[in-house]
């Protein structure tokens, strides 16, 4: 069931499952919040309340947004935590969603208990020349009528290594979403606007404990292991995990590896010692909250 957060330019869609300490999850660009479907039941079963939000112009969110980027998404996450009135929250993000979570932690440390960053982009991975070319390429590659097919192919290509048994269905899901002209336009606007410098410039302000998980085969990084080492060093309080035989979507490609790492991290956070299940009983049915 979609719930909605009203923002100045439109509504953000989210789901709200379980009860207990709050975990707010956001996907990367071009991907719906269902990217966390393999993780939510385990987190809810461990006694956490998991709220998963769609990006602006993605999934169930409105396509009326004119402003996009890591800081815009980060502001949405903070507004959602305040709206739920259950913070501070752990923010969990994948790709640019992780970038937005890190920005949010720097912007409002009082609202962020911890960070789970899945293949985050905390600085620009491309060369200065490619940074200038990428907006032009995105305008072409994410245009109709081929934009949906291009993105589905690219999504599959960066899911290197182990794949979910539902990989074909997941590729079809992202392709079908981008067949809608409004969703494709919103995705293109986001891709063109992205500038991870707004996150890199704030990393020294992040005080929340962080868990960073990077796929060892992630083609978004020239050297995944080296980038992971840089990220944990830049964040200072972060623990890094290189997930073997996985590309850009560890939460979908290897949930059996990711979930235990995340649960262990959550259990060790201040105020959550011993695991959330010690503090609050899980929802009786694990179903959506009103």
C-alpha atoms as a PDB file:
ATOM      1  CA  UNK A   1       0.000   0.000   0.000  1.00  0.00           C
ATOM      2  CA  UNK A   2       1.361   3.406  -0.978  1.00  0.00           C
ATOM      3  CA  UNK A   3       1.506   6.125   1.651  1.00  0.00           C
ATOM      4  CA  UNK A   4       2.485   9.663   0.698  1.00  0.00           C
ATOM      5  CA  UNK A   5       4.617  12.506   1.979  1.00  0.00           C
ATOM      6  CA  UNK A   6       3.666  15.894   0.550  1.00  0.00           C
ATOM      7  CA  UNK A   7       6.650  17.949  -0.604  1.00  0.00           C
ATOM      8  CA  UNK A   8       6.659  21.389  -2.277  1.00  0.00           C
ATOM      9  CA  UNK A   9       6.798  19.984  -5.832  1.00  0.00           C
ATOM     10  CA  UNK A  10       4.856  16.746  -5.398  1.00  0.00           C
ATOM     11  CA  UNK A  11       4.368  13.650  -3.273  1.00  0.00           C
ATOM     12  CA  UNK A  12       6.882  10.997  -2.238  1.00  0.00           C
ATOM     13  CA  UNK A  13       5.427   7.478  -2.068  1.00  0.00           C
ATOM     14  CA  UNK A  14       6.519   5.129   0.680  1.00  0.00           C
ATOM     15  CA  UNK A  15       5.598   1.909   2.449  1.00  0.00           C
ATOM     16  CA  UNK A  16       5.646   1.455   6.229  1.00  0.00           C
ATOM     17  CA  UNK A  17       6.068  -2.032   7.674  1.00  0.00           C
ATOM     18  CA  UNK A  18       6.681  -3.402  11.153  1.00  0.00           C
ATOM     19  CA  UNK A  19       7.253  -1.647  14.461  1.00  0.00           C
ATOM     20  CA  UNK A  20      10.279  -0.673  16.485  1.00  0.00           C
ATOM     21  CA  UNK A  21      13.310   1.551  15.830  1.00  0.00           C
ATOM     22  CA  UNK A  22      13.007   3.281  12.467  1.00  0.00           C
ATOM     23  CA  UNK A  23      14.953   2.335   9.337  1.00  0.00           C
ATOM     24  CA  UNK A  24      14.245   4.491   6.269  1.00  0.00           C
ATOM     25  CA  UNK A  25      15.399   3.000   2.960  1.00  0.00           C
ATOM     26  CA  UNK A  26      15.725   4.625  -0.458  1.00  0.00           C
ATOM     27  CA  UNK A  27      16.856   3.049  -3.761  1.00  0.00           C
ATOM     28  CA  UNK A  28      19.197   4.346  -6.432  1.00  0.00           C
ATOM     29  CA  UNK A  29      18.162   6.135  -9.593  1.00  0.00           C
ATOM     30  CA  UNK A  30      16.012   4.259 -12.055  1.00  0.00           C
ATOM     31  CA  UNK A  31      15.072   1.651  -9.445  1.00  0.00           C
ATOM     32  CA  UNK A  32      11.855   1.281  -7.390  1.00  0.00           C
ATOM     33  CA  UNK A  33      11.705   0.751  -3.647  1.00  0.00           C
ATOM     34  CA  UNK A  34      10.972  -2.946  -4.250  1.00  0.00           C
ATOM     35  CA  UNK A  35      14.767  -3.282  -4.477  1.00  0.00           C
ATOM     36  CA  UNK A  36      14.558  -3.881  -0.697  1.00  0.00           C
ATOM     37  CA  UNK A  37      11.902  -6.606  -0.850  1.00  0.00           C
ATOM     38  CA  UNK A  38      14.425  -9.309   0.085  1.00  0.00           C
ATOM     39  CA  UNK A  39      15.572  -7.357   3.152  1.00  0.00           C
ATOM     40  CA  UNK A  40      12.403  -5.936   4.658  1.00  0.00           C
ATOM     41  CA  UNK A  41      10.964  -9.183   6.110  1.00  0.00           C
ATOM     42  CA  UNK A  42      14.209  -9.969   7.935  1.00  0.00           C
ATOM     43  CA  UNK A  43      14.497  -6.459   9.393  1.00  0.00           C
ATOM     44  CA  UNK A  44      10.850  -6.411  10.438  1.00  0.00           C
ATOM     45  CA  UNK A  45      11.239  -9.865  11.957  1.00  0.00           C
ATOM     46  CA  UNK A  46      14.195  -8.586  13.993  1.00  0.00           C
ATOM     47  CA  UNK A  47      12.025  -5.848  15.485  1.00  0.00           C
ATOM     48  CA  UNK A  48      12.547  -2.856  13.222  1.00  0.00           C
ATOM     49  CA  UNK A  49      10.087  -0.534  11.521  1.00  0.00           C
ATOM     50  CA  UNK A  50      11.117  -0.294   7.868  1.00  0.00           C
ATOM     51  CA  UNK A  51       9.931   2.611   5.733  1.00  0.00           C
ATOM     52  CA  UNK A  52      10.950   2.344   2.070  1.00  0.00           C
ATOM     53  CA  UNK A  53      10.530   5.424  -0.109  1.00  0.00           C
ATOM     54  CA  UNK A  54      10.532   5.911  -3.867  1.00  0.00           C
ATOM     55  CA  UNK A  55      12.701   8.612  -5.396  1.00  0.00           C
ATOM     56  CA  UNK A  56      11.149  11.699  -6.926  1.00  0.00           C
ATOM     57  CA  UNK A  57       9.499  10.722 -10.209  1.00  0.00           C
ATOM     58  CA  UNK A  58      10.031   6.998  -9.554  1.00  0.00           C
ATOM     59  CA  UNK A  59       7.669   4.209  -8.542  1.00  0.00           C
ATOM     60  CA  UNK A  60       4.581   5.597  -6.831  1.00  0.00           C
ATOM     61  CA  UNK A  61       6.034   9.090  -6.337  1.00  0.00           C
ATOM     62  CA  UNK A  62       4.737  11.986  -8.397  1.00  0.00           C
ATOM     63  CA  UNK A  63       6.418  12.960 -11.664  1.00  0.00           C
ATOM     64  CA  UNK A  64       5.804  16.676 -11.061  1.00  0.00           C
ATOM     65  CA  UNK A  65       9.173  17.335  -9.411  1.00  0.00           C
ATOM     66  CA  UNK A  66      11.447  19.833 -11.141  1.00  0.00           C
ATOM     67  CA  UNK A  67      14.336  19.594  -8.664  1.00  0.00           C
ATOM     68  CA  UNK A  68      16.469  16.450  -8.467  1.00  0.00           C
ATOM     69  CA  UNK A  69      19.779  15.337  -6.987  1.00  0.00           C
ATOM     70  CA  UNK A  70      21.489  13.939  -3.920  1.00  0.00           C
ATOM     71  CA  UNK A  71      20.628  16.959  -1.777  1.00  0.00           C
ATOM     72  CA  UNK A  72      16.993  17.026  -2.955  1.00  0.00           C
ATOM     73  CA  UNK A  73      16.594  13.337  -2.120  1.00  0.00           C
ATOM     74  CA  UNK A  74      18.407  13.843   1.174  1.00  0.00           C
ATOM     75  CA  UNK A  75      15.965  16.616   2.070  1.00  0.00           C
ATOM     76  CA  UNK A  76      13.074  14.251   1.267  1.00  0.00           C
ATOM     77  CA  UNK A  77      14.517  11.650   3.635  1.00  0.00           C
ATOM     78  CA  UNK A  78      14.815  14.183   6.448  1.00  0.00           C
ATOM     79  CA  UNK A  79      11.269  15.436   5.831  1.00  0.00           C
ATOM     80  CA  UNK A  80      10.029  11.833   5.946  1.00  0.00           C
ATOM     81  CA  UNK A  81      11.766  11.140   9.273  1.00  0.00           C
ATOM     82  CA  UNK A  82      10.219  14.300  10.712  1.00  0.00           C
ATOM     83  CA  UNK A  83       6.805  13.396   9.287  1.00  0.00           C
ATOM     84  CA  UNK A  84       6.930   9.937  10.872  1.00  0.00           C
ATOM     85  CA  UNK A  85       7.928  11.499  14.210  1.00  0.00           C
ATOM     86  CA  UNK A  86       9.913   8.384  15.098  1.00  0.00           C
ATOM     87  CA  UNK A  87      13.508   9.508  14.728  1.00  0.00           C
ATOM     88  CA  UNK A  88      16.364   9.481  14.900  1.00  0.00           C
ATOM     89  CA  UNK A  89      16.368   6.941  12.097  1.00  0.00           C
ATOM     90  CA  UNK A  90      18.860   4.702  10.418  1.00  0.00           C
ATOM     91  CA  UNK A  91      19.038   5.734   6.760  1.00  0.00           C
ATOM     92  CA  UNK A  92      19.726   2.968   4.255  1.00  0.00           C
ATOM     93  CA  UNK A  93      20.448   3.793   0.625  1.00  0.00           C
ATOM     94  CA  UNK A  94      21.762   2.211  -2.540  1.00  0.00           C
ATOM     95  CA  UNK A  95      23.850   4.051  -5.145  1.00  0.00           C
ATOM     96  CA  UNK A  96      22.718   7.708  -5.301  1.00  0.00           C
ATOM     97  CA  UNK A  97      20.188   6.920  -2.568  1.00  0.00           C
ATOM     98  CA  UNK A  98      23.168   6.188  -0.334  1.00  0.00           C
ATOM     99  CA  UNK A  99      24.739   9.468  -1.423  1.00  0.00           C
ATOM    100  CA  UNK A 100      21.549  11.253  -0.376  1.00  0.00           C
ATOM    101  CA  UNK A 101      21.556   9.463   2.983  1.00  0.00           C
ATOM    102  CA  UNK A 102      25.131  10.620   3.676  1.00  0.00           C
ATOM    103  CA  UNK A 103      24.160  14.203   2.766  1.00  0.00           C
ATOM    104  CA  UNK A 104      21.179  13.989   5.111  1.00  0.00           C
ATOM    105  CA  UNK A 105      23.394  12.782   7.963  1.00  0.00           C
ATOM    106  CA  UNK A 106      25.619  15.823   7.518  1.00  0.00           C
ATOM    107  CA  UNK A 107      22.660  18.188   7.214  1.00  0.00           C
ATOM    108  CA  UNK A 108      20.667  16.987  10.242  1.00  0.00           C
ATOM    109  CA  UNK A 109      22.740  14.783  12.553  1.00  0.00           C
ATOM    110  CA  UNK A 110      19.972  14.950  15.148  1.00  0.00           C
ATOM    111  CA  UNK A 111      17.665  12.961  12.851  1.00  0.00           C
ATOM    112  CA  UNK A 112      20.143  10.262  11.777  1.00  0.00           C
ATOM    113  CA  UNK A 113      21.127   7.453  14.149  1.00  0.00           C
ATOM    114  CA  UNK A 114      23.220   5.526  11.611  1.00  0.00           C
ATOM    115  CA  UNK A 115      23.861   4.900   7.915  1.00  0.00           C
ATOM    116  CA  UNK A 116      23.743   1.736   5.814  1.00  0.00           C
ATOM    117  CA  UNK A 117      25.315   2.595   2.468  1.00  0.00           C
ATOM    118  CA  UNK A 118      25.035   0.032  -0.340  1.00  0.00           C
ATOM    119  CA  UNK A 119      27.382   0.758  -3.263  1.00  0.00           C
ATOM    120  CA  UNK A 120      27.301   4.489  -2.512  1.00  0.00           C
ATOM    121  CA  UNK A 121      28.619   7.200  -4.804  1.00  0.00           C
ATOM    122  CA  UNK A 122      30.204   9.622  -2.354  1.00  0.00           C
ATOM    123  CA  UNK A 123      32.259  11.386  -5.007  1.00  0.00           C
ATOM    124  CA  UNK A 124      32.201  11.599  -8.775  1.00  0.00           C
ATOM    125  CA  UNK A 125      33.551   8.308 -10.176  1.00  0.00           C
ATOM    126  CA  UNK A 126      34.077   9.704 -13.674  1.00  0.00           C
ATOM    127  CA  UNK A 127      36.938  11.819 -15.006  1.00  0.00           C
ATOM    128  CA  UNK A 128      36.359  15.580 -15.417  1.00  0.00           C
ATOM    129  CA  UNK A 129      35.897  15.065 -19.161  1.00  0.00           C
ATOM    130  CA  UNK A 130      33.287  12.348 -18.634  1.00  0.00           C
ATOM    131  CA  UNK A 131      31.521  14.512 -16.059  1.00  0.00           C
ATOM    132  CA  UNK A 132      31.033  17.135 -18.769  1.00  0.00           C
ATOM    133  CA  UNK A 133      29.906  14.552 -21.319  1.00  0.00           C
ATOM    134  CA  UNK A 134      27.532  12.545 -19.125  1.00  0.00           C
ATOM    135  CA  UNK A 135      24.617  15.036 -19.152  1.00  0.00           C
ATOM    136  CA  UNK A 136      24.692  15.043 -22.960  1.00  0.00           C
ATOM    137  CA  UNK A 137      24.859  11.249 -23.091  1.00  0.00           C
ATOM    138  CA  UNK A 138      21.992  10.856 -20.633  1.00  0.00           C
ATOM    139  CA  UNK A 139      19.793  13.186 -22.651  1.00  0.00           C
ATOM    140  CA  UNK A 140      20.354  10.964 -25.680  1.00  0.00           C
ATOM    141  CA  UNK A 141      20.389   7.520 -24.076  1.00  0.00           C
ATOM    142  CA  UNK A 142      17.343   8.154 -21.890  1.00  0.00           C
ATOM    143  CA  UNK A 143      15.194   9.579 -24.670  1.00  0.00           C
ATOM    144  CA  UNK A 144      12.206   7.902 -26.256  1.00  0.00           C
ATOM    145  CA  UNK A 145      11.705   5.412 -27.800  1.00  0.00           C
ATOM    146  CA  UNK A 146      14.860   3.557 -26.735  1.00  0.00           C
ATOM    147  CA  UNK A 147      15.350   4.943 -23.204  1.00  0.00           C
ATOM    148  CA  UNK A 148      13.508   2.155 -21.379  1.00  0.00           C
ATOM    149  CA  UNK A 149      15.365  -0.587 -23.250  1.00  0.00           C
ATOM    150  CA  UNK A 150      18.715   1.135 -22.695  1.00  0.00           C
ATOM    151  CA  UNK A 151      18.172   1.452 -18.964  1.00  0.00           C
ATOM    152  CA  UNK A 152      17.000  -2.161 -18.584  1.00  0.00           C
ATOM    153  CA  UNK A 153      20.119  -3.339 -20.408  1.00  0.00           C
ATOM    154  CA  UNK A 154      22.399  -1.120 -18.327  1.00  0.00           C
ATOM    155  CA  UNK A 155      20.718  -2.184 -15.071  1.00  0.00           C
ATOM    156  CA  UNK A 156      21.358  -5.808 -15.978  1.00  0.00           C
ATOM    157  CA  UNK A 157      24.964  -5.122 -16.991  1.00  0.00           C
ATOM    158  CA  UNK A 158      25.914  -3.594 -13.624  1.00  0.00           C
ATOM    159  CA  UNK A 159      24.329  -6.512 -11.762  1.00  0.00           C
ATOM    160  CA  UNK A 160      27.535  -8.461 -12.380  1.00  0.00           C
ATOM    161  CA  UNK A 161      28.267 -11.737 -10.618  1.00  0.00           C
ATOM    162  CA  UNK A 162      25.636 -13.430  -8.506  1.00  0.00           C
ATOM    163  CA  UNK A 163      22.076 -12.571  -9.464  1.00  0.00           C
ATOM    164  CA  UNK A 164      18.752 -12.864  -7.760  1.00  0.00           C
ATOM    165  CA  UNK A 165      16.536 -15.768  -8.874  1.00  0.00           C
ATOM    166  CA  UNK A 166      14.082 -12.986  -9.787  1.00  0.00           C
ATOM    167  CA  UNK A 167      16.623 -11.074 -11.884  1.00  0.00           C
ATOM    168  CA  UNK A 168      14.619 -11.329 -15.123  1.00  0.00           C
ATOM    169  CA  UNK A 169      11.492 -10.039 -13.365  1.00  0.00           C
ATOM    170  CA  UNK A 170      13.485  -7.187 -11.803  1.00  0.00           C
ATOM    171  CA  UNK A 171      14.871  -6.135 -15.191  1.00  0.00           C
ATOM    172  CA  UNK A 172      11.356  -6.225 -16.623  1.00  0.00           C
ATOM    173  CA  UNK A 173      10.120  -4.094 -13.723  1.00  0.00           C
ATOM    174  CA  UNK A 174      12.608  -1.283 -14.319  1.00  0.00           C
ATOM    175  CA  UNK A 175      12.048  -1.460 -18.088  1.00  0.00           C
ATOM    176  CA  UNK A 176       8.280  -1.315 -17.779  1.00  0.00           C
ATOM    177  CA  UNK A 177       8.437   1.654 -15.405  1.00  0.00           C
ATOM    178  CA  UNK A 178      10.529   3.634 -17.883  1.00  0.00           C
ATOM    179  CA  UNK A 179       8.079   2.966 -20.698  1.00  0.00           C
ATOM    180  CA  UNK A 180       5.905   5.604 -19.070  1.00  0.00           C
ATOM    181  CA  UNK A 181       6.997   8.928 -20.652  1.00  0.00           C
ATOM    182  CA  UNK A 182       6.631  10.860 -17.394  1.00  0.00           C
ATOM    183  CA  UNK A 183       8.785   8.406 -15.435  1.00  0.00           C
ATOM    184  CA  UNK A 184      11.418   8.355 -18.166  1.00  0.00           C
ATOM    185  CA  UNK A 185      11.500  12.152 -18.228  1.00  0.00           C
ATOM    186  CA  UNK A 186      11.899  12.325 -14.436  1.00  0.00           C
ATOM    187  CA  UNK A 187      14.664   9.730 -14.536  1.00  0.00           C
ATOM    188  CA  UNK A 188      16.447  11.642 -17.302  1.00  0.00           C
ATOM    189  CA  UNK A 189      16.145  14.909 -15.356  1.00  0.00           C
ATOM    190  CA  UNK A 190      17.663  13.226 -12.302  1.00  0.00           C
ATOM    191  CA  UNK A 191      20.515  11.653 -14.264  1.00  0.00           C
ATOM    192  CA  UNK A 192      21.377  14.990 -15.882  1.00  0.00           C
ATOM    193  CA  UNK A 193      21.250  16.873 -12.566  1.00  0.00           C
ATOM    194  CA  UNK A 194      23.348  14.468 -10.476  1.00  0.00           C
ATOM    195  CA  UNK A 195      26.501  15.962  -9.008  1.00  0.00           C
ATOM    196  CA  UNK A 196      28.010  13.959  -6.174  1.00  0.00           C
ATOM    197  CA  UNK A 197      30.287  16.860  -5.233  1.00  0.00           C
ATOM    198  CA  UNK A 198      27.437  18.081  -3.002  1.00  0.00           C
ATOM    199  CA  UNK A 199      27.993  14.921  -0.938  1.00  0.00           C
ATOM    200  CA  UNK A 200      31.782  14.748  -1.040  1.00  0.00           C
ATOM    201  CA  UNK A 201      31.958  18.302   0.307  1.00  0.00           C
ATOM    202  CA  UNK A 202      29.894  17.299   3.352  1.00  0.00           C
ATOM    203  CA  UNK A 203      31.513  13.981   4.311  1.00  0.00           C
ATOM    204  CA  UNK A 204      33.663  15.505   7.032  1.00  0.00           C
ATOM    205  CA  UNK A 205      30.445  16.629   8.767  1.00  0.00           C
ATOM    206  CA  UNK A 206      28.981  13.114   9.015  1.00  0.00           C
ATOM    207  CA  UNK A 207      29.051  11.908  12.615  1.00  0.00           C
ATOM    208  CA  UNK A 208      26.660   8.964  12.410  1.00  0.00           C
ATOM    209  CA  UNK A 209      28.140   5.450  12.514  1.00  0.00           C
ATOM    210  CA  UNK A 210      28.081   3.893   9.054  1.00  0.00           C
ATOM    211  CA  UNK A 211      28.191   0.489   7.417  1.00  0.00           C
ATOM    212  CA  UNK A 212      29.382   0.572   3.792  1.00  0.00           C
ATOM    213  CA  UNK A 213      28.863  -2.471   1.575  1.00  0.00           C
ATOM    214  CA  UNK A 214      30.348  -2.531  -1.925  1.00  0.00           C
ATOM    215  CA  UNK A 215      30.115  -5.256  -4.522  1.00  0.00           C
ATOM    216  CA  UNK A 216      33.545  -6.584  -5.436  1.00  0.00           C
ATOM    217  CA  UNK A 217      32.518  -6.604  -9.125  1.00  0.00           C
ATOM    218  CA  UNK A 218      30.735  -3.231  -9.159  1.00  0.00           C
ATOM    219  CA  UNK A 219      31.601  -1.636 -12.533  1.00  0.00           C
ATOM    220  CA  UNK A 220      30.630   1.829 -11.281  1.00  0.00           C
ATOM    221  CA  UNK A 221      34.028   1.982  -9.551  1.00  0.00           C
ATOM    222  CA  UNK A 222      37.404   1.724 -11.314  1.00  0.00           C
ATOM    223  CA  UNK A 223      38.611  -0.295  -8.293  1.00  0.00           C
ATOM    224  CA  UNK A 224      35.827  -1.308  -5.857  1.00  0.00           C
ATOM    225  CA  UNK A 225      38.187  -2.296  -3.038  1.00  0.00           C
ATOM    226  CA  UNK A 226      40.155   0.951  -3.289  1.00  0.00           C
ATOM    227  CA  UNK A 227      36.956   3.015  -3.411  1.00  0.00           C
ATOM    228  CA  UNK A 228      35.614   1.223  -0.353  1.00  0.00           C
ATOM    229  CA  UNK A 229      38.829   2.017   1.520  1.00  0.00           C
ATOM    230  CA  UNK A 230      38.537   5.681   0.504  1.00  0.00           C
ATOM    231  CA  UNK A 231      34.887   5.862   1.612  1.00  0.00           C
ATOM    232  CA  UNK A 232      35.487   4.343   5.035  1.00  0.00           C
ATOM    233  CA  UNK A 233      38.421   6.687   5.523  1.00  0.00           C
ATOM    234  CA  UNK A 234      36.437   9.734   4.421  1.00  0.00           C
ATOM    235  CA  UNK A 235      33.560   8.879   6.765  1.00  0.00           C
ATOM    236  CA  UNK A 236      35.870   8.106   9.675  1.00  0.00           C
ATOM    237  CA  UNK A 237      33.365   6.088  11.723  1.00  0.00           C
ATOM    238  CA  UNK A 238      32.472   3.614   8.968  1.00  0.00           C
ATOM    239  CA  UNK A 239      32.949  -0.132   8.699  1.00  0.00           C
ATOM    240  CA  UNK A 240      33.458  -1.420   5.165  1.00  0.00           C
ATOM    241  CA  UNK A 241      32.478  -4.780   3.682  1.00  0.00           C
ATOM    242  CA  UNK A 242      33.465  -5.924   0.199  1.00  0.00           C
ATOM    243  CA  UNK A 243      30.730  -8.329  -0.916  1.00  0.00           C
ATOM    244  CA  UNK A 244      32.235 -11.032  -3.163  1.00  0.00           C
ATOM    245  CA  UNK A 245      30.933 -11.815  -6.645  1.00  0.00           C
ATOM    246  CA  UNK A 246      28.397  -8.967  -6.592  1.00  0.00           C
ATOM    247  CA  UNK A 247      27.897  -5.842  -8.692  1.00  0.00           C
ATOM    248  CA  UNK A 248      26.009  -2.624  -7.981  1.00  0.00           C
ATOM    249  CA  UNK A 249      22.946  -4.015  -6.178  1.00  0.00           C
ATOM    250  CA  UNK A 250      24.161  -6.130  -3.226  1.00  0.00           C
ATOM    251  CA  UNK A 251      20.760  -5.968  -1.509  1.00  0.00           C
ATOM    252  CA  UNK A 252      19.190  -7.746  -4.487  1.00  0.00           C
ATOM    253  CA  UNK A 253      22.094  -9.872  -5.650  1.00  0.00           C
ATOM    254  CA  UNK A 254      23.212 -11.254  -2.288  1.00  0.00           C
ATOM    255  CA  UNK A 255      20.656 -10.517   0.468  1.00  0.00           C
ATOM    256  CA  UNK A 256      21.887 -13.609   2.289  1.00  0.00           C
ATOM    257  CA  UNK A 257      25.222 -11.800   2.785  1.00  0.00           C
ATOM    258  CA  UNK A 258      23.876  -8.277   3.242  1.00  0.00           C
ATOM    259  CA  UNK A 259      21.103  -8.914   5.780  1.00  0.00           C
ATOM    260  CA  UNK A 260      23.350 -10.419   8.525  1.00  0.00           C
ATOM    261  CA  UNK A 261      25.804  -7.524   8.137  1.00  0.00           C
ATOM    262  CA  UNK A 262      23.012  -4.965   8.423  1.00  0.00           C
ATOM    263  CA  UNK A 263      21.382  -6.670  11.418  1.00  0.00           C
ATOM    264  CA  UNK A 264      24.723  -6.873  13.194  1.00  0.00           C
ATOM    265  CA  UNK A 265      25.362  -3.183  12.539  1.00  0.00           C
ATOM    266  CA  UNK A 266      21.901  -2.160  13.750  1.00  0.00           C
ATOM    267  CA  UNK A 267      22.232  -4.223  16.913  1.00  0.00           C
ATOM    268  CA  UNK A 268      25.467  -2.442  17.770  1.00  0.00           C
ATOM    269  CA  UNK A 269      24.177   1.104  17.423  1.00  0.00           C
ATOM    270  CA  UNK A 270      23.853   3.228  20.569  1.00  0.00           C
ATOM    271  CA  UNK A 271      20.387   2.747  22.005  1.00  0.00           C
ATOM    272  CA  UNK A 272      19.917  -0.526  20.133  1.00  0.00           C
ATOM    273  CA  UNK A 273      22.368  -2.699  22.041  1.00  0.00           C
ATOM    274  CA  UNK A 274      21.464  -6.358  21.799  1.00  0.00           C
ATOM    275  CA  UNK A 275      19.225  -5.858  18.770  1.00  0.00           C
ATOM    276  CA  UNK A 276      15.923  -4.133  18.277  1.00  0.00           C
ATOM    277  CA  UNK A 277      13.985  -7.256  19.187  1.00  0.00           C
ATOM    278  CA  UNK A 278      15.159  -6.791  22.789  1.00  0.00           C
ATOM    279  CA  UNK A 279      13.614  -3.328  22.898  1.00  0.00           C
ATOM    280  CA  UNK A 280      10.325  -3.837  21.105  1.00  0.00           C
ATOM    281  CA  UNK A 281       8.298  -6.765  19.841  1.00  0.00           C
ATOM    282  CA  UNK A 282       7.903  -7.091  16.055  1.00  0.00           C
ATOM    283  CA  UNK A 283       4.567  -6.430  14.409  1.00  0.00           C
ATOM    284  CA  UNK A 284       2.165  -9.304  14.898  1.00  0.00           C
ATOM    285  CA  UNK A 285       1.592  -9.849  11.194  1.00  0.00           C
ATOM    286  CA  UNK A 286       4.532  -7.989   9.650  1.00  0.00           C
ATOM    287  CA  UNK A 287       1.992  -6.156   7.516  1.00  0.00           C
ATOM    288  CA  UNK A 288       1.756  -2.530   6.490  1.00  0.00           C
ATOM    289  CA  UNK A 289       1.121   0.144   9.087  1.00  0.00           C
ATOM    290  CA  UNK A 290      -1.620   2.696   8.558  1.00  0.00           C
END
